[in-house]
């Protein structure tokens, strides 16, 4: 477990990691108890990872202009990963490049974004906006190296 954010009642955003040696493969297995109604999963591959501990995390649950925004510091040679849940799909990202959008029928959508940075980023604004917004949802961003 790298970072977990309980954005609101019934909505948890999280990043988990596993060190897989080069040339090896691994399965992603998710076990949910009966209380879960639905889940969405995004998978990123990170190479030359120094640690499974995030160098920074940032969260946001306050909806502003049909989206969520936060800032994060990223070390030189580092990366950022972000995930958002909201009332509609697709999402438009600023600060990171979109990796995926998943529509959850009758619930909204989830989206992820990421980027690598050769130079350090101080106070990088990361935002995800959508249309038809309500105050439901949240944003989780992590930085690593």
C-alpha atoms as a PDB file:
ATOM      1  CA  UNK A   1       0.000   0.000   0.000  1.00  0.00           C
ATOM      2  CA  UNK A   2       1.542   3.270  -1.129  1.00  0.00           C
ATOM      3  CA  UNK A   3      -1.308   5.719  -0.478  1.00  0.00           C
ATOM      4  CA  UNK A   4      -5.000   5.423   0.417  1.00  0.00           C
ATOM      5  CA  UNK A   5      -7.467   8.313   0.379  1.00  0.00           C
ATOM      6  CA  UNK A   6     -11.036   7.986   1.639  1.00  0.00           C
ATOM      7  CA  UNK A   7     -12.424  10.728  -0.562  1.00  0.00           C
ATOM      8  CA  UNK A   8     -15.972  10.424   0.769  1.00  0.00           C
ATOM      9  CA  UNK A   9     -18.339   7.824   2.150  1.00  0.00           C
ATOM     10  CA  UNK A  10     -18.120   4.853  -0.184  1.00  0.00           C
ATOM     11  CA  UNK A  11     -15.259   6.196  -2.312  1.00  0.00           C
ATOM     12  CA  UNK A  12     -11.685   5.095  -1.683  1.00  0.00           C
ATOM     13  CA  UNK A  13      -8.834   5.971  -4.040  1.00  0.00           C
ATOM     14  CA  UNK A  14      -5.587   4.048  -3.571  1.00  0.00           C
ATOM     15  CA  UNK A  15      -2.194   3.197  -5.008  1.00  0.00           C
ATOM     16  CA  UNK A  16      -0.564  -0.154  -4.342  1.00  0.00           C
ATOM     17  CA  UNK A  17       2.809  -1.337  -5.573  1.00  0.00           C
ATOM     18  CA  UNK A  18       4.832  -4.493  -6.039  1.00  0.00           C
ATOM     19  CA  UNK A  19       8.481  -4.923  -6.897  1.00  0.00           C
ATOM     20  CA  UNK A  20       8.687  -7.324  -9.847  1.00  0.00           C
ATOM     21  CA  UNK A  21      12.200  -8.266 -11.020  1.00  0.00           C
ATOM     22  CA  UNK A  22      13.091  -7.453 -14.626  1.00  0.00           C
ATOM     23  CA  UNK A  23      12.017 -10.251 -16.954  1.00  0.00           C
ATOM     24  CA  UNK A  24       9.514 -11.634 -14.457  1.00  0.00           C
ATOM     25  CA  UNK A  25       5.747 -11.445 -14.630  1.00  0.00           C
ATOM     26  CA  UNK A  26       3.096 -11.054 -11.980  1.00  0.00           C
ATOM     27  CA  UNK A  27      -0.647 -11.295 -11.590  1.00  0.00           C
ATOM     28  CA  UNK A  28      -2.817  -8.530 -10.197  1.00  0.00           C
ATOM     29  CA  UNK A  29      -5.393 -10.073  -7.871  1.00  0.00           C
ATOM     30  CA  UNK A  30      -8.018  -7.990  -6.090  1.00  0.00           C
ATOM     31  CA  UNK A  31     -10.173  -9.468  -3.350  1.00  0.00           C
ATOM     32  CA  UNK A  32     -13.201  -7.440  -2.280  1.00  0.00           C
ATOM     33  CA  UNK A  33     -15.629  -8.269   0.505  1.00  0.00           C
ATOM     34  CA  UNK A  34     -19.402  -8.397   0.007  1.00  0.00           C
ATOM     35  CA  UNK A  35     -19.798  -4.717   0.961  1.00  0.00           C
ATOM     36  CA  UNK A  36     -18.175  -3.514  -2.286  1.00  0.00           C
ATOM     37  CA  UNK A  37     -20.540  -2.554  -5.090  1.00  0.00           C
ATOM     38  CA  UNK A  38     -17.985  -1.845  -7.809  1.00  0.00           C
ATOM     39  CA  UNK A  39     -14.297  -1.207  -8.402  1.00  0.00           C
ATOM     40  CA  UNK A  40     -12.040   0.094 -11.153  1.00  0.00           C
ATOM     41  CA  UNK A  41      -8.333  -0.607 -11.557  1.00  0.00           C
ATOM     42  CA  UNK A  42      -5.596   1.258 -13.416  1.00  0.00           C
ATOM     43  CA  UNK A  43      -2.146  -0.284 -13.802  1.00  0.00           C
ATOM     44  CA  UNK A  44       1.125   1.554 -14.411  1.00  0.00           C
ATOM     45  CA  UNK A  45       4.576   0.076 -14.992  1.00  0.00           C
ATOM     46  CA  UNK A  46       7.403   1.966 -13.293  1.00  0.00           C
ATOM     47  CA  UNK A  47      11.022   1.001 -13.985  1.00  0.00           C
ATOM     48  CA  UNK A  48      14.134   1.785 -11.943  1.00  0.00           C
ATOM     49  CA  UNK A  49      11.997   2.536  -8.899  1.00  0.00           C
ATOM     50  CA  UNK A  50      13.997   3.605  -5.842  1.00  0.00           C
ATOM     51  CA  UNK A  51      11.258   2.887  -3.301  1.00  0.00           C
ATOM     52  CA  UNK A  52       7.621   1.862  -2.898  1.00  0.00           C
ATOM     53  CA  UNK A  53       7.258   4.809  -0.514  1.00  0.00           C
ATOM     54  CA  UNK A  54       5.787   7.916  -2.151  1.00  0.00           C
ATOM     55  CA  UNK A  55       8.006  10.995  -1.956  1.00  0.00           C
ATOM     56  CA  UNK A  56       4.843  13.148  -1.757  1.00  0.00           C
ATOM     57  CA  UNK A  57       1.068  12.775  -1.785  1.00  0.00           C
ATOM     58  CA  UNK A  58      -1.716  15.288  -2.416  1.00  0.00           C
ATOM     59  CA  UNK A  59      -5.494  14.977  -2.220  1.00  0.00           C
ATOM     60  CA  UNK A  60      -8.601  17.006  -2.951  1.00  0.00           C
ATOM     61  CA  UNK A  61     -12.335  16.444  -2.405  1.00  0.00           C
ATOM     62  CA  UNK A  62     -13.602  19.986  -2.942  1.00  0.00           C
ATOM     63  CA  UNK A  63     -15.171  20.369  -6.375  1.00  0.00           C
ATOM     64  CA  UNK A  64     -14.149  23.588  -8.146  1.00  0.00           C
ATOM     65  CA  UNK A  65     -15.432  24.416 -11.652  1.00  0.00           C
ATOM     66  CA  UNK A  66     -16.501  20.804 -12.286  1.00  0.00           C
ATOM     67  CA  UNK A  67     -13.148  19.370 -11.249  1.00  0.00           C
ATOM     68  CA  UNK A  68     -10.577  18.769  -8.588  1.00  0.00           C
ATOM     69  CA  UNK A  69      -7.107  20.300  -8.325  1.00  0.00           C
ATOM     70  CA  UNK A  70      -4.133  20.063  -6.004  1.00  0.00           C
ATOM     71  CA  UNK A  71      -0.397  20.744  -6.060  1.00  0.00           C
ATOM     72  CA  UNK A  72       2.508  18.368  -5.547  1.00  0.00           C
ATOM     73  CA  UNK A  73       6.318  18.490  -5.425  1.00  0.00           C
ATOM     74  CA  UNK A  74       8.226  16.006  -7.572  1.00  0.00           C
ATOM     75  CA  UNK A  75      11.937  15.257  -7.278  1.00  0.00           C
ATOM     76  CA  UNK A  76      14.244  15.504 -10.304  1.00  0.00           C
ATOM     77  CA  UNK A  77      14.119  12.206 -12.174  1.00  0.00           C
ATOM     78  CA  UNK A  78      10.800  11.398 -10.506  1.00  0.00           C
ATOM     79  CA  UNK A  79       7.270  10.715 -11.618  1.00  0.00           C
ATOM     80  CA  UNK A  80       3.693  11.439 -10.616  1.00  0.00           C
ATOM     81  CA  UNK A  81       0.610   9.224 -10.764  1.00  0.00           C
ATOM     82  CA  UNK A  82      -2.939  10.486 -10.239  1.00  0.00           C
ATOM     83  CA  UNK A  83      -6.390   8.978  -9.997  1.00  0.00           C
ATOM     84  CA  UNK A  84      -9.763  10.735  -9.850  1.00  0.00           C
ATOM     85  CA  UNK A  85     -13.352   9.617  -9.300  1.00  0.00           C
ATOM     86  CA  UNK A  86     -16.219  11.865 -10.304  1.00  0.00           C
ATOM     87  CA  UNK A  87     -19.799  12.052 -11.491  1.00  0.00           C
ATOM     88  CA  UNK A  88     -19.117  12.001 -15.230  1.00  0.00           C
ATOM     89  CA  UNK A  89     -16.624  10.868 -17.832  1.00  0.00           C
ATOM     90  CA  UNK A  90     -14.405  11.742 -19.707  1.00  0.00           C
ATOM     91  CA  UNK A  91     -11.971  13.803 -17.654  1.00  0.00           C
ATOM     92  CA  UNK A  92      -9.595  16.494 -18.902  1.00  0.00           C
ATOM     93  CA  UNK A  93      -6.208  16.562 -17.155  1.00  0.00           C
ATOM     94  CA  UNK A  94      -3.830  19.475 -16.612  1.00  0.00           C
ATOM     95  CA  UNK A  95      -0.299  18.947 -15.273  1.00  0.00           C
ATOM     96  CA  UNK A  96      -0.161  15.218 -16.123  1.00  0.00           C
ATOM     97  CA  UNK A  97      -0.939  13.149 -19.221  1.00  0.00           C
ATOM     98  CA  UNK A  98      -4.101  11.061 -19.185  1.00  0.00           C
ATOM     99  CA  UNK A  99      -3.507   7.311 -18.992  1.00  0.00           C
ATOM    100  CA  UNK A 100      -7.084   6.012 -18.950  1.00  0.00           C
ATOM    101  CA  UNK A 101     -10.785   6.846 -18.531  1.00  0.00           C
ATOM    102  CA  UNK A 102     -13.273   4.263 -17.249  1.00  0.00           C
ATOM    103  CA  UNK A 103     -17.027   4.804 -17.274  1.00  0.00           C
ATOM    104  CA  UNK A 104     -18.888   3.274 -14.327  1.00  0.00           C
ATOM    105  CA  UNK A 105     -22.538   2.884 -15.399  1.00  0.00           C
ATOM    106  CA  UNK A 106     -24.957   5.004 -13.336  1.00  0.00           C
ATOM    107  CA  UNK A 107     -22.104   6.087 -11.051  1.00  0.00           C
ATOM    108  CA  UNK A 108     -19.747   8.338 -13.019  1.00  0.00           C
ATOM    109  CA  UNK A 109     -16.198   7.646 -13.993  1.00  0.00           C
ATOM    110  CA  UNK A 110     -12.646   7.131 -12.929  1.00  0.00           C
ATOM    111  CA  UNK A 111      -9.549   8.362 -14.708  1.00  0.00           C
ATOM    112  CA  UNK A 112      -5.803   8.176 -14.255  1.00  0.00           C
ATOM    113  CA  UNK A 113      -2.859  10.280 -15.389  1.00  0.00           C
ATOM    114  CA  UNK A 114       0.922  10.173 -15.083  1.00  0.00           C
ATOM    115  CA  UNK A 115       4.182  11.722 -16.236  1.00  0.00           C
ATOM    116  CA  UNK A 116       7.949  11.483 -15.738  1.00  0.00           C
ATOM    117  CA  UNK A 117       9.989  14.572 -14.875  1.00  0.00           C
ATOM    118  CA  UNK A 118      13.709  15.048 -15.519  1.00  0.00           C
ATOM    119  CA  UNK A 119      13.712  18.344 -13.598  1.00  0.00           C
ATOM    120  CA  UNK A 120      12.251  18.860 -10.132  1.00  0.00           C
ATOM    121  CA  UNK A 121       8.718  20.249 -10.002  1.00  0.00           C
ATOM    122  CA  UNK A 122       7.726  22.499  -7.103  1.00  0.00           C
ATOM    123  CA  UNK A 123       4.023  23.070  -6.582  1.00  0.00           C
ATOM    124  CA  UNK A 124       2.982  21.365  -9.838  1.00  0.00           C
ATOM    125  CA  UNK A 125      -0.753  21.894 -10.274  1.00  0.00           C
ATOM    126  CA  UNK A 126      -2.588  18.699 -11.171  1.00  0.00           C
ATOM    127  CA  UNK A 127      -6.257  18.959 -12.068  1.00  0.00           C
ATOM    128  CA  UNK A 128      -8.965  16.745 -13.519  1.00  0.00           C
ATOM    129  CA  UNK A 129     -12.180  18.316 -14.775  1.00  0.00           C
ATOM    130  CA  UNK A 130     -15.365  16.847 -16.168  1.00  0.00           C
ATOM    131  CA  UNK A 131     -18.882  17.988 -17.025  1.00  0.00           C
ATOM    132  CA  UNK A 132     -22.138  17.570 -15.162  1.00  0.00           C
ATOM    133  CA  UNK A 133     -20.281  17.779 -11.893  1.00  0.00           C
ATOM    134  CA  UNK A 134     -21.660  17.337  -8.437  1.00  0.00           C
ATOM    135  CA  UNK A 135     -19.666  17.496  -5.233  1.00  0.00           C
ATOM    136  CA  UNK A 136     -19.141  13.717  -5.316  1.00  0.00           C
ATOM    137  CA  UNK A 137     -15.633  12.439  -5.907  1.00  0.00           C
ATOM    138  CA  UNK A 138     -11.993  13.132  -5.214  1.00  0.00           C
ATOM    139  CA  UNK A 139      -8.433  13.263  -6.503  1.00  0.00           C
ATOM    140  CA  UNK A 140      -5.304  11.440  -5.257  1.00  0.00           C
ATOM    141  CA  UNK A 141      -1.818  12.256  -6.606  1.00  0.00           C
ATOM    142  CA  UNK A 142       1.461  10.632  -5.597  1.00  0.00           C
ATOM    143  CA  UNK A 143       5.060  11.387  -6.524  1.00  0.00           C
ATOM    144  CA  UNK A 144       7.839   8.845  -6.551  1.00  0.00           C
ATOM    145  CA  UNK A 145      11.382   8.255  -7.662  1.00  0.00           C
END
